[in-house]
N, C-alpha and C. Protein backbone atom coordinates (compact mmCIF):
# COMPACT_ATOMS: atom_id res chain seq x y z
N MET A 1 75.64 242.10 300.10
CA MET A 1 76.80 241.33 299.65
C MET A 1 76.35 240.02 299.00
N ARG A 2 75.37 239.38 299.64
CA ARG A 2 74.86 238.14 299.07
C ARG A 2 74.18 238.39 297.74
N ASP A 3 73.41 239.48 297.65
CA ASP A 3 72.73 239.80 296.40
C ASP A 3 73.73 240.09 295.30
N ALA A 4 74.82 240.79 295.65
CA ALA A 4 75.84 241.11 294.65
C ALA A 4 76.52 239.84 294.14
N LEU A 5 76.78 238.90 295.06
CA LEU A 5 77.40 237.63 294.68
C LEU A 5 76.48 236.84 293.75
N GLU A 6 75.23 236.75 294.13
CA GLU A 6 74.28 235.99 293.31
C GLU A 6 74.11 236.61 291.94
N ASP A 7 74.19 237.95 291.88
CA ASP A 7 74.09 238.63 290.60
C ASP A 7 75.28 238.27 289.71
N GLN A 8 76.50 238.26 290.30
CA GLN A 8 77.69 237.89 289.55
C GLN A 8 77.62 236.43 289.08
N LEU A 9 77.15 235.58 289.94
CA LEU A 9 77.02 234.17 289.58
C LEU A 9 76.04 233.98 288.43
N GLN A 10 74.92 234.68 288.51
CA GLN A 10 73.90 234.56 287.47
C GLN A 10 74.43 235.02 286.12
N GLN A 11 75.23 236.08 286.13
CA GLN A 11 75.79 236.59 284.88
C GLN A 11 76.71 235.56 284.22
N ARG A 12 77.29 234.68 285.03
CA ARG A 12 78.23 233.69 284.50
C ARG A 12 77.62 232.30 284.36
N GLY A 13 76.33 232.22 284.60
CA GLY A 13 75.63 230.95 284.41
C GLY A 13 75.88 229.92 285.49
N ILE A 14 76.26 230.39 286.69
CA ILE A 14 76.52 229.50 287.82
C ILE A 14 75.47 229.78 288.90
N SER A 15 74.82 228.75 289.37
CA SER A 15 73.80 228.93 290.40
C SER A 15 74.44 229.10 291.78
N ALA A 16 73.69 229.65 292.70
CA ALA A 16 74.17 229.79 294.07
C ALA A 16 74.46 228.42 294.68
N GLU A 17 73.66 227.43 294.30
CA GLU A 17 73.86 226.07 294.80
C GLU A 17 75.18 225.50 294.28
N ASP A 18 75.50 225.77 293.01
CA ASP A 18 76.77 225.30 292.45
C ASP A 18 77.95 225.96 293.16
N PHE A 19 77.83 227.26 293.43
CA PHE A 19 78.89 227.97 294.15
C PHE A 19 79.07 227.40 295.55
N SER A 20 77.96 227.16 296.23
CA SER A 20 78.02 226.59 297.57
C SER A 20 78.67 225.22 297.56
N GLU A 21 78.32 224.39 296.59
CA GLU A 21 78.91 223.05 296.49
C GLU A 21 80.41 223.13 296.26
N LEU A 22 80.84 224.05 295.40
CA LEU A 22 82.26 224.22 295.12
C LEU A 22 83.02 224.65 296.37
N MET A 23 82.49 225.64 297.09
CA MET A 23 83.18 226.15 298.26
C MET A 23 83.22 225.11 299.38
N ILE A 24 82.14 224.39 299.56
CA ILE A 24 82.10 223.35 300.60
C ILE A 24 83.13 222.26 300.31
N ARG A 25 83.23 221.86 299.04
CA ARG A 25 84.21 220.84 298.66
C ARG A 25 85.64 221.33 298.91
N LEU A 26 85.91 222.57 298.52
CA LEU A 26 87.25 223.11 298.73
C LEU A 26 87.61 223.23 300.20
N LEU A 27 86.68 223.76 300.99
CA LEU A 27 86.95 223.96 302.41
C LEU A 27 87.01 222.64 303.17
N ASP A 28 86.26 221.67 302.70
CA ASP A 28 86.24 220.37 303.39
C ASP A 28 87.47 219.54 303.06
N ARG A 29 87.85 219.50 301.80
CA ARG A 29 88.94 218.62 301.37
C ARG A 29 90.25 219.35 301.09
N GLY A 30 90.17 220.65 300.87
CA GLY A 30 91.38 221.43 300.67
C GLY A 30 92.01 221.30 299.30
N VAL A 31 91.40 220.50 298.42
CA VAL A 31 92.01 220.27 297.11
C VAL A 31 90.92 219.87 296.12
N LEU A 32 91.17 220.25 294.87
CA LEU A 32 90.25 219.92 293.79
C LEU A 32 91.09 219.57 292.57
N CYS A 33 90.87 218.39 292.00
CA CYS A 33 91.67 217.94 290.86
C CYS A 33 90.73 217.43 289.77
N ARG A 34 90.82 218.01 288.58
CA ARG A 34 89.85 217.76 287.54
C ARG A 34 89.79 216.29 287.10
N ASP A 35 90.94 215.61 287.09
CA ASP A 35 90.94 214.25 286.57
C ASP A 35 90.62 213.21 287.64
N GLU A 36 90.20 213.65 288.82
CA GLU A 36 89.90 212.71 289.90
C GLU A 36 88.56 211.99 289.66
N SER A 37 87.55 212.73 289.22
CA SER A 37 86.22 212.15 289.02
C SER A 37 85.38 213.10 288.17
N LYS A 38 84.22 212.63 287.72
CA LYS A 38 83.31 213.49 286.95
C LYS A 38 82.84 214.67 287.80
N LYS A 39 82.57 214.42 289.07
CA LYS A 39 82.11 215.48 289.95
C LYS A 39 83.19 216.55 290.11
N GLU A 40 84.46 216.13 290.34
CA GLU A 40 85.51 217.12 290.50
C GLU A 40 85.80 217.84 289.18
N ALA A 41 85.60 217.17 288.06
CA ALA A 41 85.77 217.83 286.77
C ALA A 41 84.74 218.95 286.62
N GLN A 42 83.52 218.65 287.04
CA GLN A 42 82.45 219.66 286.97
C GLN A 42 82.75 220.84 287.89
N LEU A 43 83.18 220.53 289.11
CA LEU A 43 83.48 221.59 290.07
C LEU A 43 84.67 222.43 289.60
N TYR A 44 85.67 221.77 289.03
CA TYR A 44 86.85 222.49 288.53
C TYR A 44 86.45 223.43 287.40
N ASP A 45 85.59 222.97 286.49
CA ASP A 45 85.12 223.82 285.40
C ASP A 45 84.35 225.02 285.93
N HIS A 46 83.57 224.81 286.99
CA HIS A 46 82.87 225.92 287.63
C HIS A 46 83.87 226.91 288.22
N PHE A 47 84.92 226.37 288.83
CA PHE A 47 85.95 227.23 289.41
C PHE A 47 86.57 228.13 288.35
N LEU A 48 86.86 227.60 287.16
CA LEU A 48 87.46 228.40 286.10
C LEU A 48 86.55 229.56 285.70
N GLN A 49 85.25 229.35 285.78
CA GLN A 49 84.29 230.39 285.40
C GLN A 49 84.21 231.50 286.45
N ILE A 50 84.46 231.16 287.70
CA ILE A 50 84.25 232.14 288.78
C ILE A 50 85.46 232.22 289.71
N ARG A 51 86.63 232.05 289.15
CA ARG A 51 87.83 232.04 290.00
C ARG A 51 87.94 233.29 290.87
N ASP A 52 87.68 234.46 290.29
CA ASP A 52 87.82 235.70 291.05
C ASP A 52 86.85 235.76 292.23
N LEU A 53 85.64 235.22 292.04
CA LEU A 53 84.65 235.21 293.12
C LEU A 53 85.08 234.25 294.23
N VAL A 54 85.65 233.11 293.84
CA VAL A 54 86.14 232.14 294.82
C VAL A 54 87.28 232.76 295.63
N GLU A 55 88.21 233.42 294.95
CA GLU A 55 89.34 234.03 295.64
C GLU A 55 88.89 235.15 296.57
N ASP A 56 87.91 235.94 296.13
CA ASP A 56 87.39 237.01 296.98
C ASP A 56 86.76 236.43 298.25
N TYR A 57 86.00 235.36 298.07
CA TYR A 57 85.34 234.72 299.22
C TYR A 57 86.38 234.19 300.20
N LEU A 58 87.40 233.51 299.69
CA LEU A 58 88.43 232.93 300.56
C LEU A 58 89.29 234.00 301.22
N SER A 59 89.49 235.12 300.52
CA SER A 59 90.35 236.17 301.06
C SER A 59 89.76 236.76 302.33
N VAL A 60 88.44 236.77 302.44
CA VAL A 60 87.80 237.25 303.66
C VAL A 60 88.22 236.39 304.85
N LEU A 61 88.41 235.09 304.60
CA LEU A 61 88.83 234.15 305.64
C LEU A 61 90.35 234.08 305.74
N ARG A 62 91.05 234.83 304.90
CA ARG A 62 92.51 234.82 304.82
C ARG A 62 93.06 233.44 304.45
N ILE A 63 92.28 232.74 303.67
CA ILE A 63 92.70 231.45 303.13
C ILE A 63 93.31 231.69 301.76
N ARG A 64 94.46 231.08 301.51
CA ARG A 64 95.17 231.28 300.25
C ARG A 64 94.86 230.15 299.28
N LEU A 65 94.85 230.50 298.00
CA LEU A 65 94.51 229.54 296.96
C LEU A 65 95.65 229.45 295.96
N LEU A 66 95.99 228.22 295.61
CA LEU A 66 97.00 227.97 294.58
C LEU A 66 96.34 227.19 293.45
N HIS A 67 96.40 227.75 292.22
CA HIS A 67 95.83 227.10 291.05
C HIS A 67 96.96 226.70 290.12
N GLU A 68 97.00 225.43 289.77
CA GLU A 68 98.01 224.93 288.84
C GLU A 68 97.32 224.46 287.56
N PRO A 69 97.15 225.37 286.59
CA PRO A 69 96.41 225.05 285.36
C PRO A 69 96.98 223.85 284.60
N ARG A 70 98.31 223.70 284.62
CA ARG A 70 98.92 222.60 283.87
C ARG A 70 98.40 221.25 284.35
N PHE A 71 98.18 221.13 285.65
CA PHE A 71 97.72 219.87 286.22
C PHE A 71 96.24 219.92 286.59
N GLU A 72 95.58 221.03 286.24
CA GLU A 72 94.15 221.22 286.51
C GLU A 72 93.84 220.92 287.98
N LEU A 73 94.58 221.59 288.85
CA LEU A 73 94.49 221.34 290.28
C LEU A 73 94.36 222.65 291.04
N VAL A 74 93.52 222.65 292.06
CA VAL A 74 93.34 223.79 292.94
C VAL A 74 93.56 223.30 294.37
N ARG A 75 94.36 224.03 295.14
CA ARG A 75 94.58 223.66 296.53
C ARG A 75 94.50 224.92 297.38
N ILE A 76 93.91 224.80 298.57
CA ILE A 76 93.83 225.96 299.47
C ILE A 76 94.71 225.72 300.70
N PHE A 77 95.16 226.83 301.29
CA PHE A 77 96.07 226.79 302.43
C PHE A 77 95.58 227.73 303.52
N PRO A 78 95.79 227.37 304.78
CA PRO A 78 95.34 228.21 305.89
C PRO A 78 96.17 229.48 306.01
N PRO A 79 95.67 230.47 306.73
CA PRO A 79 96.42 231.71 306.92
C PRO A 79 97.82 231.46 307.47
N GLY A 80 98.80 232.14 306.87
CA GLY A 80 100.17 232.04 307.35
C GLY A 80 100.96 230.88 306.81
N ALA A 81 100.33 229.97 306.06
CA ALA A 81 101.05 228.80 305.54
C ALA A 81 102.04 229.22 304.46
N GLU A 82 103.18 228.54 304.43
CA GLU A 82 104.16 228.75 303.37
C GLU A 82 103.74 227.91 302.18
N VAL A 83 103.56 228.57 301.03
CA VAL A 83 103.00 227.90 299.86
C VAL A 83 103.97 227.99 298.69
N PRO A 84 104.46 226.85 298.18
CA PRO A 84 105.32 226.89 296.99
C PRO A 84 104.58 227.56 295.84
N GLY A 85 105.24 228.51 295.19
CA GLY A 85 104.61 229.17 294.05
C GLY A 85 103.88 230.44 294.39
N LEU A 86 103.71 230.76 295.68
CA LEU A 86 103.05 231.99 296.10
C LEU A 86 103.99 232.79 296.98
N ALA A 87 103.82 234.11 296.94
CA ALA A 87 104.63 234.97 297.80
C ALA A 87 104.35 234.67 299.26
N ASP A 88 105.36 234.85 300.12
CA ASP A 88 105.17 234.60 301.54
C ASP A 88 104.09 235.50 302.11
N SER A 89 103.33 234.95 303.03
CA SER A 89 102.28 235.70 303.70
C SER A 89 102.78 236.19 305.05
N GLU A 90 102.33 237.40 305.45
CA GLU A 90 102.69 237.94 306.75
C GLU A 90 101.68 237.54 307.82
N ASP A 91 100.67 236.81 307.43
CA ASP A 91 99.62 236.41 308.36
C ASP A 91 100.14 235.30 309.27
N SER A 92 100.09 235.53 310.55
CA SER A 92 100.62 234.55 311.51
C SER A 92 99.52 233.87 312.31
N ILE A 93 98.28 234.03 311.87
CA ILE A 93 97.17 233.44 312.61
C ILE A 93 97.25 231.91 312.57
N SER A 94 97.01 231.28 313.69
CA SER A 94 96.97 229.81 313.75
C SER A 94 95.53 229.37 313.81
N THR A 95 95.12 228.48 312.91
CA THR A 95 93.73 228.05 312.85
C THR A 95 93.63 226.54 312.86
N GLY A 96 92.41 226.05 313.04
CA GLY A 96 92.16 224.62 313.04
C GLY A 96 92.45 223.97 311.71
N LEU A 97 92.51 224.78 310.63
CA LEU A 97 92.81 224.23 309.32
C LEU A 97 94.20 223.61 309.28
N ARG A 98 95.08 224.06 310.18
CA ARG A 98 96.45 223.54 310.19
C ARG A 98 96.53 222.16 310.81
N ASP A 99 95.50 221.75 311.48
CA ASP A 99 95.55 220.53 312.28
C ASP A 99 95.16 219.29 311.49
N ARG A 100 95.43 219.25 310.22
CA ARG A 100 94.91 218.18 309.38
C ARG A 100 95.85 217.01 309.22
N LEU A 101 97.14 217.22 309.42
CA LEU A 101 98.10 216.17 309.14
C LEU A 101 98.77 215.68 310.41
N HIS A 102 98.86 214.35 310.53
CA HIS A 102 99.61 213.74 311.63
C HIS A 102 101.07 213.61 311.20
N GLN A 103 101.93 213.37 312.16
CA GLN A 103 103.36 213.33 311.84
C GLN A 103 103.71 212.22 310.86
N HIS A 104 103.07 211.05 310.97
CA HIS A 104 103.40 209.97 310.04
C HIS A 104 102.90 210.29 308.63
N GLU A 105 101.84 211.12 308.52
CA GLU A 105 101.37 211.54 307.21
C GLU A 105 102.35 212.54 306.60
N VAL A 106 102.82 213.48 307.42
CA VAL A 106 103.81 214.44 306.96
C VAL A 106 105.08 213.72 306.49
N ALA A 107 105.50 212.72 307.26
CA ALA A 107 106.70 211.97 306.91
C ALA A 107 106.58 211.35 305.52
N LEU A 108 105.45 210.71 305.26
CA LEU A 108 105.27 210.07 303.96
C LEU A 108 105.19 211.11 302.85
N ILE A 109 104.55 212.24 303.10
CA ILE A 109 104.46 213.29 302.09
C ILE A 109 105.85 213.79 301.71
N LEU A 110 106.72 213.97 302.70
CA LEU A 110 108.09 214.40 302.42
C LEU A 110 108.84 213.38 301.58
N VAL A 111 108.64 212.10 301.89
CA VAL A 111 109.31 211.04 301.13
C VAL A 111 108.78 211.00 299.69
N LEU A 112 107.47 211.16 299.54
CA LEU A 112 106.88 211.19 298.20
C LEU A 112 107.46 212.35 297.38
N ARG A 113 107.62 213.50 298.02
CA ARG A 113 108.19 214.65 297.31
C ARG A 113 109.64 214.38 296.92
N ALA A 114 110.40 213.76 297.82
CA ALA A 114 111.79 213.44 297.53
C ALA A 114 111.88 212.47 296.34
N GLU A 115 111.02 211.46 296.33
CA GLU A 115 111.02 210.50 295.23
C GLU A 115 110.56 211.15 293.93
N TYR A 116 109.61 212.08 294.03
CA TYR A 116 109.14 212.78 292.84
C TYR A 116 110.27 213.61 292.23
N ASP A 117 110.99 214.33 293.10
CA ASP A 117 112.10 215.15 292.62
C ASP A 117 113.19 214.29 291.98
N LYS A 118 113.45 213.13 292.58
CA LYS A 118 114.46 212.23 292.02
C LYS A 118 114.06 211.76 290.62
N SER A 119 112.80 211.38 290.46
CA SER A 119 112.32 210.94 289.15
C SER A 119 112.32 212.09 288.15
N LEU A 120 112.03 213.29 288.64
CA LEU A 120 112.05 214.47 287.78
C LEU A 120 113.44 214.70 287.22
N ARG A 121 114.45 214.59 288.07
CA ARG A 121 115.83 214.77 287.63
C ARG A 121 116.25 213.69 286.63
N GLU A 122 115.71 212.49 286.81
CA GLU A 122 116.08 211.37 285.95
C GLU A 122 115.20 211.27 284.70
N GLY A 123 114.26 212.19 284.57
CA GLY A 123 113.39 212.20 283.39
C GLY A 123 112.36 211.10 283.37
N LEU A 124 111.97 210.61 284.54
CA LEU A 124 111.02 209.50 284.63
C LEU A 124 109.59 209.99 284.92
N ILE A 125 109.21 211.09 284.30
CA ILE A 125 107.89 211.69 284.48
C ILE A 125 107.05 211.42 283.23
N ASP A 126 105.80 211.01 283.40
CA ASP A 126 104.97 210.77 282.22
C ASP A 126 104.35 212.08 281.72
N GLU A 127 103.51 211.98 280.70
CA GLU A 127 102.95 213.18 280.07
C GLU A 127 102.04 213.95 281.00
N GLN A 128 101.50 213.30 282.02
CA GLN A 128 100.64 213.97 282.98
C GLN A 128 101.42 214.49 284.20
N GLY A 129 102.75 214.40 284.12
CA GLY A 129 103.57 214.87 285.22
C GLY A 129 103.57 213.94 286.41
N GLN A 130 103.27 212.65 286.20
CA GLN A 130 103.16 211.68 287.27
C GLN A 130 104.38 210.74 287.31
N VAL A 131 104.55 210.11 288.47
CA VAL A 131 105.68 209.19 288.67
C VAL A 131 105.16 207.86 289.21
N MET A 132 105.56 206.78 288.58
CA MET A 132 105.21 205.44 289.06
C MET A 132 106.28 204.97 290.05
N LEU A 133 105.81 204.38 291.18
CA LEU A 133 106.74 203.95 292.22
C LEU A 133 106.19 202.71 292.91
N SER A 134 107.05 201.71 293.09
CA SER A 134 106.60 200.51 293.80
C SER A 134 106.58 200.79 295.30
N LEU A 135 105.73 200.09 296.01
CA LEU A 135 105.69 200.27 297.46
C LEU A 135 106.98 199.79 298.10
N GLU A 136 107.62 198.83 297.47
CA GLU A 136 108.90 198.37 297.99
C GLU A 136 109.93 199.50 297.96
N THR A 137 109.98 200.22 296.83
CA THR A 137 110.90 201.35 296.70
C THR A 137 110.52 202.47 297.66
N LEU A 138 109.21 202.71 297.79
CA LEU A 138 108.75 203.76 298.70
C LEU A 138 109.12 203.44 300.14
N SER A 139 108.94 202.19 300.54
CA SER A 139 109.27 201.79 301.90
C SER A 139 110.77 201.90 302.16
N LEU A 140 111.58 201.53 301.15
CA LEU A 140 113.03 201.62 301.28
C LEU A 140 113.46 203.08 301.41
N SER A 141 112.86 203.94 300.60
CA SER A 141 113.18 205.36 300.65
C SER A 141 112.78 205.96 301.99
N HIS A 142 111.62 205.53 302.49
CA HIS A 142 111.14 205.99 303.80
C HIS A 142 112.15 205.64 304.89
N ARG A 143 112.67 204.43 304.81
CA ARG A 143 113.65 203.97 305.82
C ARG A 143 114.98 204.74 305.67
N ASN A 144 115.42 204.91 304.44
CA ASN A 144 116.71 205.57 304.21
C ASN A 144 116.68 207.05 304.61
N LEU A 145 115.57 207.73 304.30
CA LEU A 145 115.49 209.16 304.56
C LEU A 145 115.12 209.49 306.00
N LEU A 146 114.28 208.64 306.61
CA LEU A 146 113.76 208.95 307.94
C LEU A 146 114.22 207.98 309.02
N GLY A 147 114.88 206.91 308.61
CA GLY A 147 115.35 205.94 309.59
C GLY A 147 114.28 204.99 310.08
N ARG A 148 113.15 204.94 309.40
CA ARG A 148 112.08 204.01 309.78
C ARG A 148 111.26 203.67 308.53
N PRO A 149 110.70 202.46 308.49
CA PRO A 149 109.95 202.03 307.31
C PRO A 149 108.50 202.51 307.38
N LEU A 150 107.78 202.24 306.33
CA LEU A 150 106.33 202.43 306.36
C LEU A 150 105.73 201.50 307.42
N PRO A 151 104.52 201.81 307.91
CA PRO A 151 103.89 200.91 308.88
C PRO A 151 103.83 199.48 308.37
N GLU A 152 104.15 198.53 309.23
CA GLU A 152 104.15 197.12 308.82
C GLU A 152 102.75 196.53 308.82
N GLN A 153 101.88 197.03 309.72
CA GLN A 153 100.51 196.53 309.77
C GLN A 153 99.74 196.96 308.52
N ALA A 154 99.07 196.00 307.87
CA ALA A 154 98.36 196.29 306.62
C ALA A 154 97.32 197.38 306.81
N GLY A 155 96.60 197.34 307.92
CA GLY A 155 95.56 198.33 308.16
C GLY A 155 96.11 199.73 308.28
N GLU A 156 97.22 199.89 308.99
CA GLU A 156 97.84 201.20 309.15
C GLU A 156 98.36 201.73 307.82
N ARG A 157 98.95 200.82 307.04
CA ARG A 157 99.48 201.22 305.73
C ARG A 157 98.34 201.64 304.80
N GLN A 158 97.26 200.91 304.81
CA GLN A 158 96.12 201.24 303.97
C GLN A 158 95.54 202.59 304.35
N THR A 159 95.42 202.85 305.66
CA THR A 159 94.89 204.12 306.13
C THR A 159 95.77 205.28 305.68
N LEU A 160 97.08 205.09 305.78
CA LEU A 160 98.03 206.12 305.39
C LEU A 160 97.97 206.41 303.90
N LEU A 161 97.92 205.37 303.09
CA LEU A 161 97.86 205.55 301.64
C LEU A 161 96.51 206.12 301.21
N ARG A 162 95.45 205.75 301.92
CA ARG A 162 94.14 206.31 301.63
C ARG A 162 94.14 207.82 301.85
N ARG A 163 94.83 208.25 302.90
CA ARG A 163 94.94 209.68 303.19
C ARG A 163 95.71 210.40 302.08
N MET A 164 96.74 209.76 301.55
CA MET A 164 97.48 210.36 300.45
C MET A 164 96.61 210.52 299.21
N ARG A 165 95.71 209.55 299.00
CA ARG A 165 94.79 209.67 297.87
C ARG A 165 93.79 210.79 298.09
N GLN A 166 93.31 210.93 299.32
CA GLN A 166 92.37 212.01 299.62
C GLN A 166 92.98 213.38 299.38
N LEU A 167 94.28 213.49 299.61
CA LEU A 167 94.99 214.75 299.39
C LEU A 167 95.38 214.92 297.93
N ARG A 168 95.01 213.96 297.08
CA ARG A 168 95.32 213.97 295.65
C ARG A 168 96.82 213.97 295.40
N LEU A 169 97.54 213.23 296.24
CA LEU A 169 98.99 213.14 296.10
C LEU A 169 99.43 211.86 295.40
N ILE A 170 98.62 210.81 295.49
CA ILE A 170 98.95 209.55 294.81
C ILE A 170 97.69 208.97 294.18
N ARG A 171 97.93 208.03 293.31
CA ARG A 171 96.88 207.16 292.80
C ARG A 171 97.28 205.73 293.14
N SER A 172 96.30 204.90 293.43
CA SER A 172 96.55 203.46 293.60
C SER A 172 95.27 202.76 293.25
N SER A 173 95.37 201.51 292.85
CA SER A 173 94.20 200.79 292.36
C SER A 173 93.13 200.63 293.41
N SER A 174 93.52 200.28 294.62
CA SER A 174 92.54 200.05 295.70
C SER A 174 93.29 199.90 297.01
N ASP A 175 92.52 199.71 298.09
CA ASP A 175 93.14 199.46 299.39
C ASP A 175 93.66 198.04 299.50
N ALA A 176 93.12 197.17 298.68
CA ALA A 176 93.48 195.76 298.79
C ALA A 176 94.85 195.51 298.17
N GLY A 177 95.55 194.53 298.73
CA GLY A 177 96.81 194.10 298.15
C GLY A 177 97.93 195.10 298.23
N MET A 178 97.93 195.92 299.29
CA MET A 178 98.98 196.92 299.44
C MET A 178 100.25 196.30 300.01
N ASP A 179 100.87 195.42 299.23
CA ASP A 179 102.12 194.82 299.67
C ASP A 179 103.26 195.43 298.87
N ASP A 180 104.48 194.93 299.07
CA ASP A 180 105.65 195.52 298.43
C ASP A 180 105.63 195.40 296.92
N GLU A 181 104.79 194.50 296.38
CA GLU A 181 104.73 194.34 294.94
C GLU A 181 103.72 195.29 294.30
N SER A 182 102.98 196.03 295.12
CA SER A 182 102.01 196.99 294.60
C SER A 182 102.72 198.26 294.14
N TRP A 183 102.01 199.03 293.32
CA TRP A 183 102.56 200.28 292.79
C TRP A 183 101.63 201.44 293.12
N VAL A 184 102.22 202.60 293.27
CA VAL A 184 101.44 203.82 293.42
C VAL A 184 101.93 204.82 292.38
N THR A 185 101.10 205.77 292.06
CA THR A 185 101.47 206.84 291.14
C THR A 185 101.50 208.15 291.92
N ILE A 186 102.64 208.80 291.96
CA ILE A 186 102.76 210.09 292.64
C ILE A 186 102.29 211.18 291.68
N ARG A 187 101.33 211.98 292.14
CA ARG A 187 100.76 213.01 291.29
C ARG A 187 101.53 214.33 291.45
N PRO A 188 101.52 215.17 290.41
CA PRO A 188 102.30 216.41 290.46
C PRO A 188 101.84 217.39 291.53
N GLY A 189 100.64 217.17 292.08
CA GLY A 189 100.17 218.03 293.15
C GLY A 189 101.05 218.01 294.38
N ILE A 190 101.94 217.03 294.47
CA ILE A 190 102.88 216.95 295.60
C ILE A 190 103.74 218.22 295.66
N LEU A 191 103.97 218.85 294.52
CA LEU A 191 104.83 220.03 294.48
C LEU A 191 104.21 221.22 295.20
N SER A 192 102.88 221.26 295.27
CA SER A 192 102.21 222.39 295.89
C SER A 192 102.01 222.20 297.39
N LEU A 193 102.45 221.07 297.92
CA LEU A 193 102.22 220.79 299.33
C LEU A 193 103.51 220.76 300.14
N VAL A 194 104.64 220.66 299.49
CA VAL A 194 105.93 220.59 300.19
C VAL A 194 106.86 221.65 299.62
N THR A 195 107.36 222.52 300.47
CA THR A 195 108.28 223.57 300.03
C THR A 195 109.67 223.00 299.82
N ASP A 196 110.47 223.70 299.03
CA ASP A 196 111.86 223.29 298.82
C ASP A 196 112.63 223.34 300.14
N THR A 197 112.28 224.30 300.99
CA THR A 197 112.95 224.42 302.29
C THR A 197 112.72 223.17 303.13
N ALA A 198 111.47 222.72 303.18
CA ALA A 198 111.16 221.52 303.96
C ALA A 198 111.89 220.31 303.40
N LEU A 199 111.96 220.24 302.07
CA LEU A 199 112.63 219.10 301.44
C LEU A 199 114.12 219.10 301.75
N SER A 200 114.72 220.28 301.74
CA SER A 200 116.16 220.37 302.01
C SER A 200 116.50 220.01 303.44
N GLN A 201 115.53 220.12 304.35
CA GLN A 201 115.76 219.79 305.76
C GLN A 201 115.54 218.31 306.06
N LEU A 202 115.16 217.57 305.04
CA LEU A 202 114.80 216.18 305.26
C LEU A 202 116.00 215.32 305.65
N ALA A 203 117.16 215.68 305.17
CA ALA A 203 118.35 214.87 305.44
C ALA A 203 118.86 215.08 306.86
N GLY A 204 119.44 214.05 307.42
CA GLY A 204 120.11 214.15 308.72
C GLY A 204 119.17 214.36 309.89
N THR A 205 119.70 215.00 310.92
CA THR A 205 118.96 215.13 312.18
C THR A 205 117.82 216.11 312.07
N ALA A 206 117.77 216.92 310.99
CA ALA A 206 116.70 217.91 310.85
C ALA A 206 115.38 217.29 310.45
N ALA A 207 115.40 216.03 310.04
CA ALA A 207 114.19 215.40 309.52
C ALA A 207 113.06 215.38 310.54
N ASP A 208 113.33 214.91 311.76
CA ASP A 208 112.28 214.82 312.77
C ASP A 208 111.73 216.19 313.13
N GLU A 209 112.60 217.19 313.21
CA GLU A 209 112.15 218.54 313.53
C GLU A 209 111.26 219.08 312.42
N THR A 210 111.65 218.84 311.17
CA THR A 210 110.86 219.29 310.04
C THR A 210 109.47 218.68 310.06
N ILE A 211 109.39 217.38 310.32
CA ILE A 211 108.11 216.69 310.36
C ILE A 211 107.21 217.27 311.45
N LYS A 212 107.80 217.51 312.62
CA LYS A 212 107.02 218.07 313.73
C LYS A 212 106.52 219.46 313.41
N GLU A 213 107.37 220.28 312.79
CA GLU A 213 107.00 221.66 312.47
C GLU A 213 105.85 221.69 311.48
N ILE A 214 105.93 220.86 310.43
CA ILE A 214 104.87 220.85 309.42
C ILE A 214 103.58 220.34 310.01
N ALA A 215 103.66 219.29 310.82
CA ALA A 215 102.47 218.73 311.44
C ALA A 215 101.79 219.74 312.34
N GLN A 216 102.57 220.62 312.96
CA GLN A 216 102.04 221.65 313.84
C GLN A 216 101.60 222.89 313.09
N GLY A 217 101.90 222.90 311.79
CA GLY A 217 101.48 224.03 310.98
C GLY A 217 102.45 225.18 310.91
N ASP A 218 103.71 224.94 311.24
CA ASP A 218 104.67 226.03 311.25
C ASP A 218 105.39 226.20 309.92
N ASN A 219 105.09 225.30 308.95
CA ASN A 219 105.78 225.41 307.67
C ASN A 219 104.79 225.51 306.55
C-alpha cells in the first residue's frame, strides 16, 4: 500500500515528505486556506495535485473533507459530523477529533455566522467573500443573540479571537489592542463550519442547547 502511494505521488511530482507534511497539517489544524501564508499556499497547491489520494487516505479514518475552490479552502470533519455542503453521514462514531471546541468558542462561531449571513443579505461582502465587523458590533450581537457579551478580560478575549484565527474564521491585525474600536474580518470559511440548522436554533431558549450539542460533537 505504501509502495503504491509513493508510486502515485512520484507520478504527480509530489514527494512522500510533501504528502506527509500536508496530511499532518490537515489532521493537526483541521483546515487549510491558501491565502493564509506562503506555506499554506504551497500545501494547498499540493492538495490540488493529489486530492484523490488525500481523500482516499482520510476515508480509511472515516474523516470527511470539504473543499471550497472559490475560497481556496479545505476543511476536514470527524466521523459522523454534519457538514454543510456534504451529504449526511451515517457514521455515528464519536472520536477525540470532536473535542476541539469549548462552549464559549462555539458561541462566538455561531454569532460570527449570524453576522456573516446578515451582511450577505445586505450585500456587504467584499470580492473575497469576507465581511468587516467592529468588535463593538460583534460584542453587541453576542449579547443580543446569546444574552451575554464577549469576555471582558483582555486576555480571555485575545485567546478567543486567536482561536478563531487558527480556525481560519476571522482575520485581525494582531492580539494587541483588541478593544471595541478594533475590527475583525469574517472569512467565508465560516459557512463550512456552521450548519443552517444550528444557526436557526440560535434564537430563543434553544441557543444554550445548540451550543452544548456542538461543543459535544453532536452537530
